[in-house]
Amino acid sequence: MANAELTGVQKAAVLLITLGPEKSASIFKHLKEEEIEELTLEIANTRSISPQEKEDVLNEFYQVCLAQQYIAEGGIGYAKELLEKALGEQKAQDVITKLTASLQVRPFEFIRKTDPSQVLNFIQDEHPQTIAMILSYLSPAQSAMILGALTPEKQADVAKRIAMMDRTSPDVIKEVERVLERKLASLLNQDYTIVGGVDAIVDILNTVDRGTEKHIMESLEIEQPELADEIRKKMFVFEDILSLDDRAIQRVLRDVDNGDLALALKGAAEEVQNVILNNLSKRLAVMIKEDMEYMGPVRMKDVEDAQQKIVNIIRKLEDSAEIVISRGGGDEIIV
């Protein structure tokens, strides 16, 4: 059977057979149950494959992968240009058409693969609304690094705009991409996309350093207290350990390094210190107190880093449902 006559499922089956059982098994892990069933049935019904068919399917798969990589690096126009040089105009167009029929390319994909410090150089002088839109499309880790490097005044403004953002028109996105087109890819096939919002800024604030987080929240509490309250309800900061019950605090402390705990408590409010120390054994509480006294003056950044490590442990335990953080409105447990 000629390769042109094979269906998509048949080509996928040929590819998996050609790759062998070990690689195919790892691919199956990323497929839906119905896709696995369909491919398994097709593989079982495949009687023979000629060496030419294997080669054709592998080449097609390689070309599509290559096109996807080029699109991510520099947009569809860039991918088409490179593929035309490698495959010829008609073949390049066939590959691009096949790929864009099913591939949804996120706006600013090229930025997502760029070092955040370089992105900062490109966008730091842009309007806060433009920066907010771009950060909404980046990963929380990238956005956190960029947000943390902005001026304090711009940090709060950008954070507020991300939180209040709803839907962004593709025309607006394309216009921003045109402004940055010398360095950034212009990505097509965009639809109205929900970006930003409170959840987006919470993800970012959960990742930035403690100092940046505190500054932004304090500014928002002055400018828009209702928005700040909504964001805080979805966040967990070190001082919020007071909202945990004793059992949850004890579970958290089992995973905390004693050195980090002493450093975190060194800069904590007395109320927080008391709650945590009361949930330690008497012997360990005495030891932590002695560590705090003997360590002398410490940098605020080191304290904040230690506190952030504990917050990360708390969030991880919450994600795994080992502890419950009360965030108001329905988190109460009725016995």
Protein backbone atom coordinates (compact mmCIF):
# COMPACT_ATOMS: atom_id res chain seq x y z
CA MET A 1 0.00 0.00 0.00
CA ALA A 2 1.44 3.40 -0.99
CA ASN A 3 2.07 5.91 1.80
CA ALA A 4 -0.29 8.46 0.21
CA GLU A 5 -3.15 5.97 0.64
CA LEU A 6 -2.58 5.43 4.36
CA THR A 7 -4.94 7.09 6.84
CA GLY A 8 -3.65 9.09 9.78
CA VAL A 9 -4.26 6.19 12.16
CA GLN A 10 -2.49 3.76 9.83
CA LYS A 11 0.51 6.07 9.58
CA ALA A 12 0.61 6.37 13.39
CA ALA A 13 0.49 2.57 13.66
CA VAL A 14 3.34 2.20 11.15
CA LEU A 15 5.37 4.79 13.06
CA LEU A 16 4.90 2.98 16.38
CA ILE A 17 5.76 -0.39 14.86
CA THR A 18 8.88 1.12 13.31
CA LEU A 19 9.97 2.76 16.57
CA GLY A 20 9.67 -0.53 18.47
CA PRO A 21 7.86 -1.56 21.67
CA GLU A 22 9.96 0.41 24.19
CA LYS A 23 9.60 3.82 22.51
CA SER A 24 5.98 3.09 21.59
CA ALA A 25 5.15 2.34 25.22
CA SER A 26 6.53 5.71 26.33
CA ILE A 27 4.44 7.44 23.63
CA PHE A 28 1.29 5.62 24.78
CA LYS A 29 1.67 7.28 28.19
CA HIS A 30 0.80 10.63 26.59
CA LEU A 31 -2.26 9.43 24.65
CA LYS A 32 -5.93 9.27 25.63
CA GLU A 33 -7.47 5.89 26.38
CA GLU A 34 -9.57 5.87 23.19
CA GLU A 35 -6.50 6.79 21.11
CA ILE A 36 -4.55 3.89 22.62
CA GLU A 37 -7.40 1.49 21.88
CA GLU A 38 -7.68 2.70 18.28
CA LEU A 39 -3.93 2.44 17.66
CA THR A 40 -3.65 -0.95 19.36
CA LEU A 41 -6.40 -2.30 17.11
CA GLU A 42 -4.74 -0.84 14.02
CA ILE A 43 -1.33 -2.28 14.98
CA ALA A 44 -2.92 -5.70 15.56
CA ASN A 45 -4.55 -5.56 12.11
CA THR A 46 -1.36 -4.53 10.32
CA ARG A 47 -0.04 -7.56 8.48
CA SER A 48 3.06 -6.34 6.67
CA ILE A 49 4.89 -3.08 6.06
CA SER A 50 7.39 -2.58 3.28
CA PRO A 51 10.72 -0.89 4.04
CA GLN A 52 9.65 1.95 1.73
CA GLU A 53 6.44 2.55 3.69
CA LYS A 54 8.40 2.68 6.95
CA GLU A 55 10.85 5.17 5.46
CA ASP A 56 8.06 7.36 4.01
CA VAL A 57 6.16 7.50 7.31
CA LEU A 58 9.32 8.27 9.29
CA ASN A 59 10.24 11.06 6.85
CA GLU A 60 6.77 12.58 7.08
CA PHE A 61 6.86 12.42 10.86
CA TYR A 62 10.29 14.05 10.90
CA GLN A 63 9.13 16.84 8.58
CA VAL A 64 6.11 17.63 10.76
CA CYS A 65 8.28 17.66 13.91
CA LEU A 66 10.76 19.94 12.16
CA ALA A 67 7.98 22.30 11.09
CA GLN A 68 6.59 22.42 14.61
CA GLN A 69 10.03 23.31 15.96
CA TYR A 70 10.49 26.06 13.36
CA ILE A 71 7.05 27.52 14.17
CA ALA A 72 7.90 27.62 17.87
CA GLU A 73 11.23 29.31 17.13
CA GLY A 74 10.10 31.96 14.69
CA GLY A 75 6.49 31.69 13.57
CA ILE A 76 4.81 30.07 10.58
CA GLY A 77 6.47 32.40 8.07
CA TYR A 78 9.91 31.46 9.38
CA ALA A 79 9.02 27.75 9.34
CA LYS A 80 7.76 27.95 5.76
CA GLU A 81 10.91 29.72 4.60
CA LEU A 82 13.23 27.08 6.12
CA LEU A 83 11.11 24.15 4.94
CA GLU A 84 11.01 25.51 1.38
CA LYS A 85 14.82 25.51 1.33
CA ALA A 86 14.91 21.94 2.64
CA LEU A 87 11.91 20.34 0.91
CA GLY A 88 10.85 22.61 -1.93
CA GLU A 89 7.91 25.03 -2.08
CA GLN A 90 5.05 22.54 -2.66
CA LYS A 91 6.20 19.98 -0.07
CA ALA A 92 6.81 22.74 2.49
CA GLN A 93 3.29 24.07 1.94
CA ASP A 94 1.83 20.57 2.34
CA VAL A 95 3.63 20.08 5.67
CA ILE A 96 2.63 23.53 6.99
CA THR A 97 -1.00 23.05 5.95
CA LYS A 98 -1.13 19.62 7.57
CA LEU A 99 0.41 20.96 10.77
CA THR A 100 -1.62 24.16 11.14
CA ALA A 101 -4.84 22.24 10.62
CA SER A 102 -4.38 20.64 14.03
CA LEU A 103 -1.72 22.76 15.75
CA GLN A 104 -2.78 25.65 17.96
CA VAL A 105 0.21 27.95 18.33
CA ARG A 106 0.11 30.09 21.46
CA PRO A 107 0.84 33.77 21.03
CA PHE A 108 4.36 34.82 22.03
CA GLU A 109 5.56 31.20 21.88
CA PHE A 110 8.99 32.46 20.85
CA ILE A 111 9.21 34.55 24.04
CA ARG A 112 8.38 31.45 26.10
CA LYS A 113 11.63 29.91 24.84
CA THR A 114 13.70 33.04 25.46
CA ASP A 115 15.68 33.86 28.60
CA PRO A 116 13.51 36.07 30.86
CA SER A 117 16.31 38.63 31.23
CA GLN A 118 16.32 39.12 27.46
CA VAL A 119 12.54 39.41 27.37
CA LEU A 120 12.78 42.05 30.10
CA ASN A 121 15.10 44.12 27.91
CA PHE A 122 12.55 44.00 25.10
CA ILE A 123 9.43 44.87 27.08
CA GLN A 124 10.39 46.84 30.20
CA ASP A 125 9.74 50.20 28.50
CA GLU A 126 6.41 49.11 27.01
CA HIS A 127 3.07 50.30 28.40
CA PRO A 128 2.05 48.37 31.57
CA GLN A 129 -1.01 46.97 29.75
CA THR A 130 1.25 45.56 27.02
CA ILE A 131 3.58 44.02 29.60
CA ALA A 132 0.59 42.55 31.45
CA MET A 133 -0.72 40.92 28.27
CA ILE A 134 2.67 39.40 27.39
CA LEU A 135 3.26 38.09 30.93
CA SER A 136 -0.19 36.46 30.86
CA TYR A 137 1.00 34.24 28.01
CA LEU A 138 4.28 33.24 29.67
CA SER A 139 4.81 30.55 32.29
CA PRO A 140 4.39 31.70 35.92
CA ALA A 141 8.12 31.18 36.51
CA GLN A 142 9.11 33.41 33.56
CA SER A 143 6.52 36.05 34.46
CA ALA A 144 7.69 36.04 38.08
CA MET A 145 11.31 36.75 37.10
CA ILE A 146 10.27 39.58 34.77
CA LEU A 147 7.76 41.07 37.22
CA GLY A 148 10.37 40.99 39.99
CA ALA A 149 12.82 42.95 37.83
CA LEU A 150 10.42 45.79 37.00
CA THR A 151 10.42 49.01 38.99
CA PRO A 152 8.31 48.84 42.18
CA GLU A 153 5.76 51.29 40.76
CA LYS A 154 5.36 49.30 37.56
CA GLN A 155 5.17 45.95 39.42
CA ALA A 156 1.92 46.81 41.17
CA ASP A 157 0.42 48.40 38.04
CA VAL A 158 1.22 45.37 35.87
CA ALA A 159 -0.01 42.92 38.54
CA LYS A 160 -3.30 44.83 38.78
CA ARG A 161 -3.74 44.79 35.00
CA ILE A 162 -3.07 41.02 34.79
CA ALA A 163 -5.65 40.37 37.49
CA MET A 164 -8.27 42.51 35.76
CA MET A 165 -7.58 41.18 32.26
CA ASP A 166 -10.27 39.01 30.68
CA ARG A 167 -10.28 38.38 26.92
CA THR A 168 -7.79 39.72 24.44
CA SER A 169 -8.60 40.29 20.79
CA PRO A 170 -6.29 38.59 18.26
CA ASP A 171 -5.96 41.98 16.54
CA VAL A 172 -4.47 43.47 19.70
CA ILE A 173 -2.12 40.51 20.10
CA LYS A 174 -0.97 40.81 16.48
CA GLU A 175 -0.36 44.53 16.93
CA VAL A 176 1.85 43.90 19.96
CA GLU A 177 3.69 41.18 18.06
CA ARG A 178 4.31 43.63 15.19
CA VAL A 179 5.92 46.08 17.62
CA LEU A 180 8.26 43.31 18.79
CA GLU A 181 8.60 41.52 15.44
CA ARG A 182 12.34 42.14 15.08
CA LYS A 183 12.97 39.95 18.11
CA LEU A 184 9.77 37.99 18.59
CA ALA A 185 7.87 35.59 16.35
CA SER A 186 4.57 36.61 14.82
CA LEU A 187 2.30 33.67 15.56
CA LEU A 188 -0.88 33.09 13.59
CA ASN A 189 -4.07 31.07 13.97
CA GLN A 190 -5.18 32.97 17.05
CA ASP A 191 -8.68 32.99 18.44
CA TYR A 192 -10.11 35.02 21.28
CA THR A 193 -8.26 33.64 24.27
CA ILE A 194 -8.98 34.00 27.96
CA VAL A 195 -5.78 35.24 29.56
CA GLY A 196 -4.87 36.95 32.78
CA GLY A 197 -7.36 37.16 35.61
CA VAL A 198 -6.92 36.64 39.33
CA ASP A 199 -5.71 33.04 38.95
CA ALA A 200 -2.94 34.18 36.59
CA ILE A 201 -1.58 36.81 38.96
CA VAL A 202 -1.85 34.38 41.90
CA ASP A 203 0.32 31.86 40.00
CA ILE A 204 2.87 34.59 39.36
CA LEU A 205 2.84 35.99 42.90
CA ASN A 206 3.23 32.49 44.30
CA THR A 207 6.50 32.28 42.34
CA VAL A 208 8.08 35.73 42.77
CA ASP A 209 10.41 36.46 45.67
CA ARG A 210 8.81 37.38 48.97
CA GLY A 211 9.86 41.06 48.82
CA THR A 212 8.21 41.59 45.43
CA GLU A 213 5.09 39.75 46.55
CA LYS A 214 4.77 41.90 49.71
CA HIS A 215 5.26 45.15 47.79
CA ILE A 216 2.66 44.29 45.17
CA MET A 217 0.09 43.13 47.72
CA GLU A 218 0.60 46.23 49.90
CA SER A 219 0.17 48.50 46.85
CA LEU A 220 -2.95 46.66 45.73
CA GLU A 221 -4.42 46.83 49.24
CA ILE A 222 -4.15 50.63 49.05
CA GLU A 223 -5.32 51.06 45.44
CA GLN A 224 -7.87 48.24 45.12
CA PRO A 225 -8.54 46.55 48.46
CA GLU A 226 -11.31 44.32 47.05
CA LEU A 227 -9.01 42.96 44.35
CA ALA A 228 -6.19 42.49 46.89
CA ASP A 229 -8.58 40.57 49.14
CA GLU A 230 -9.67 38.34 46.25
CA ILE A 231 -6.04 37.60 45.35
CA ARG A 232 -5.08 36.95 48.98
CA LYS A 233 -7.92 34.45 49.36
CA LYS A 234 -6.28 32.35 46.66
CA MET A 235 -2.77 32.75 47.97
CA PHE A 236 -0.89 31.45 50.99
CA VAL A 237 1.87 33.55 52.52
CA PHE A 238 4.10 32.65 55.47
CA GLU A 239 2.07 34.61 58.02
CA ASP A 240 -1.02 32.63 56.98
CA ILE A 241 0.38 29.64 58.84
CA LEU A 242 -1.71 31.03 61.68
CA SER A 243 -4.81 29.84 59.77
CA LEU A 244 -3.67 26.20 59.90
CA ASP A 245 -4.80 23.91 62.69
CA ASP A 246 -2.23 22.27 64.95
CA ARG A 247 -2.37 18.93 63.14
CA ALA A 248 -1.64 20.60 59.78
CA ILE A 249 1.22 22.65 61.26
CA GLN A 250 2.77 19.51 62.75
CA ARG A 251 2.49 17.76 59.37
CA VAL A 252 4.22 20.68 57.65
CA LEU A 253 7.01 20.84 60.23
CA ARG A 254 7.90 17.18 59.59
CA ASP A 255 9.11 18.20 56.11
CA VAL A 256 10.88 21.41 57.13
CA ASP A 257 14.65 21.57 57.62
CA ASN A 258 15.50 22.80 61.12
CA GLY A 259 17.98 25.33 59.75
CA ASP A 260 15.35 26.80 57.41
CA LEU A 261 12.84 26.88 60.26
CA ALA A 262 15.17 28.82 62.59
CA LEU A 263 15.99 31.30 59.82
CA ALA A 264 12.32 31.73 58.84
CA LEU A 265 11.27 32.36 62.44
CA LYS A 266 14.11 34.84 62.96
CA GLY A 267 12.18 37.44 60.95
CA ALA A 268 8.65 36.29 61.80
CA ALA A 269 6.10 38.00 64.03
CA GLU A 270 6.04 36.84 67.65
CA GLU A 271 2.58 35.34 67.21
CA VAL A 272 3.80 33.19 64.31
CA GLN A 273 6.88 32.13 66.28
CA ASN A 274 4.75 31.06 69.24
CA VAL A 275 2.30 29.03 67.14
CA ILE A 276 5.09 27.13 65.39
CA LEU A 277 7.22 26.57 68.50
CA ASN A 278 4.17 25.30 70.41
CA ASN A 279 3.76 22.60 67.78
CA LEU A 280 7.31 21.30 68.24
CA SER A 281 8.54 19.00 70.95
CA LYS A 282 9.91 20.92 73.95
CA ARG A 283 13.43 19.75 73.21
CA LEU A 284 13.28 20.79 69.54
CA ALA A 285 11.62 24.12 70.38
CA VAL A 286 14.48 24.94 72.76
CA MET A 287 17.02 23.96 70.12
CA ILE A 288 15.35 26.18 67.47
CA LYS A 289 15.26 29.12 69.90
CA GLU A 290 18.96 28.67 70.62
CA ASP A 291 19.73 28.52 66.88
CA MET A 292 17.83 31.79 66.38
CA GLU A 293 19.83 33.48 69.15
CA TYR A 294 23.23 32.19 68.07
CA MET A 295 22.87 32.99 64.35
CA GLY A 296 23.07 36.73 65.05
CA PRO A 297 22.04 39.31 62.42
CA VAL A 298 20.75 37.80 59.17
CA ARG A 299 19.87 39.23 55.76
CA MET A 300 16.16 39.82 55.17
CA LYS A 301 16.44 38.06 51.80
CA ASP A 302 17.72 34.89 53.51
CA VAL A 303 14.80 35.02 55.94
CA GLU A 304 12.32 35.49 53.10
CA ASP A 305 13.88 32.63 51.13
CA ALA A 306 13.56 30.32 54.15
CA GLN A 307 9.95 31.39 54.66
CA GLN A 308 9.24 30.76 50.97
CA LYS A 309 10.61 27.22 51.25
CA ILE A 310 8.14 26.52 54.05
CA VAL A 311 5.29 28.09 52.06
CA ASN A 312 6.20 25.86 49.09
CA ILE A 313 6.01 22.80 51.37
CA ILE A 314 2.59 23.94 52.60
CA ARG A 315 1.32 24.43 49.05
CA LYS A 316 2.69 21.04 48.02
CA LEU A 317 0.95 19.33 50.94
CA GLU A 318 -2.28 21.14 50.08
CA ASP A 319 -2.02 19.99 46.46
CA SER A 320 -1.65 16.39 47.64
CA ALA A 321 -4.64 16.89 50.00
CA GLU A 322 -2.51 16.06 53.08
CA ILE A 323 -3.55 19.34 54.70
CA VAL A 324 -6.46 21.73 54.21
CA ILE A 325 -5.98 25.50 53.99
CA SER A 326 -9.10 27.45 54.87
CA ARG A 327 -9.61 30.13 52.23
CA GLY A 328 -13.10 31.18 53.27
CA GLY A 329 -16.41 30.46 51.63
CA GLY A 330 -16.85 26.72 51.80
CA ASP A 331 -13.61 25.35 53.19
CA GLU A 332 -15.07 24.87 56.67
CA ILE A 333 -15.27 21.27 57.77
CA ILE A 334 -18.46 20.23 59.54
CA VAL A 335 -18.22 17.24 61.87
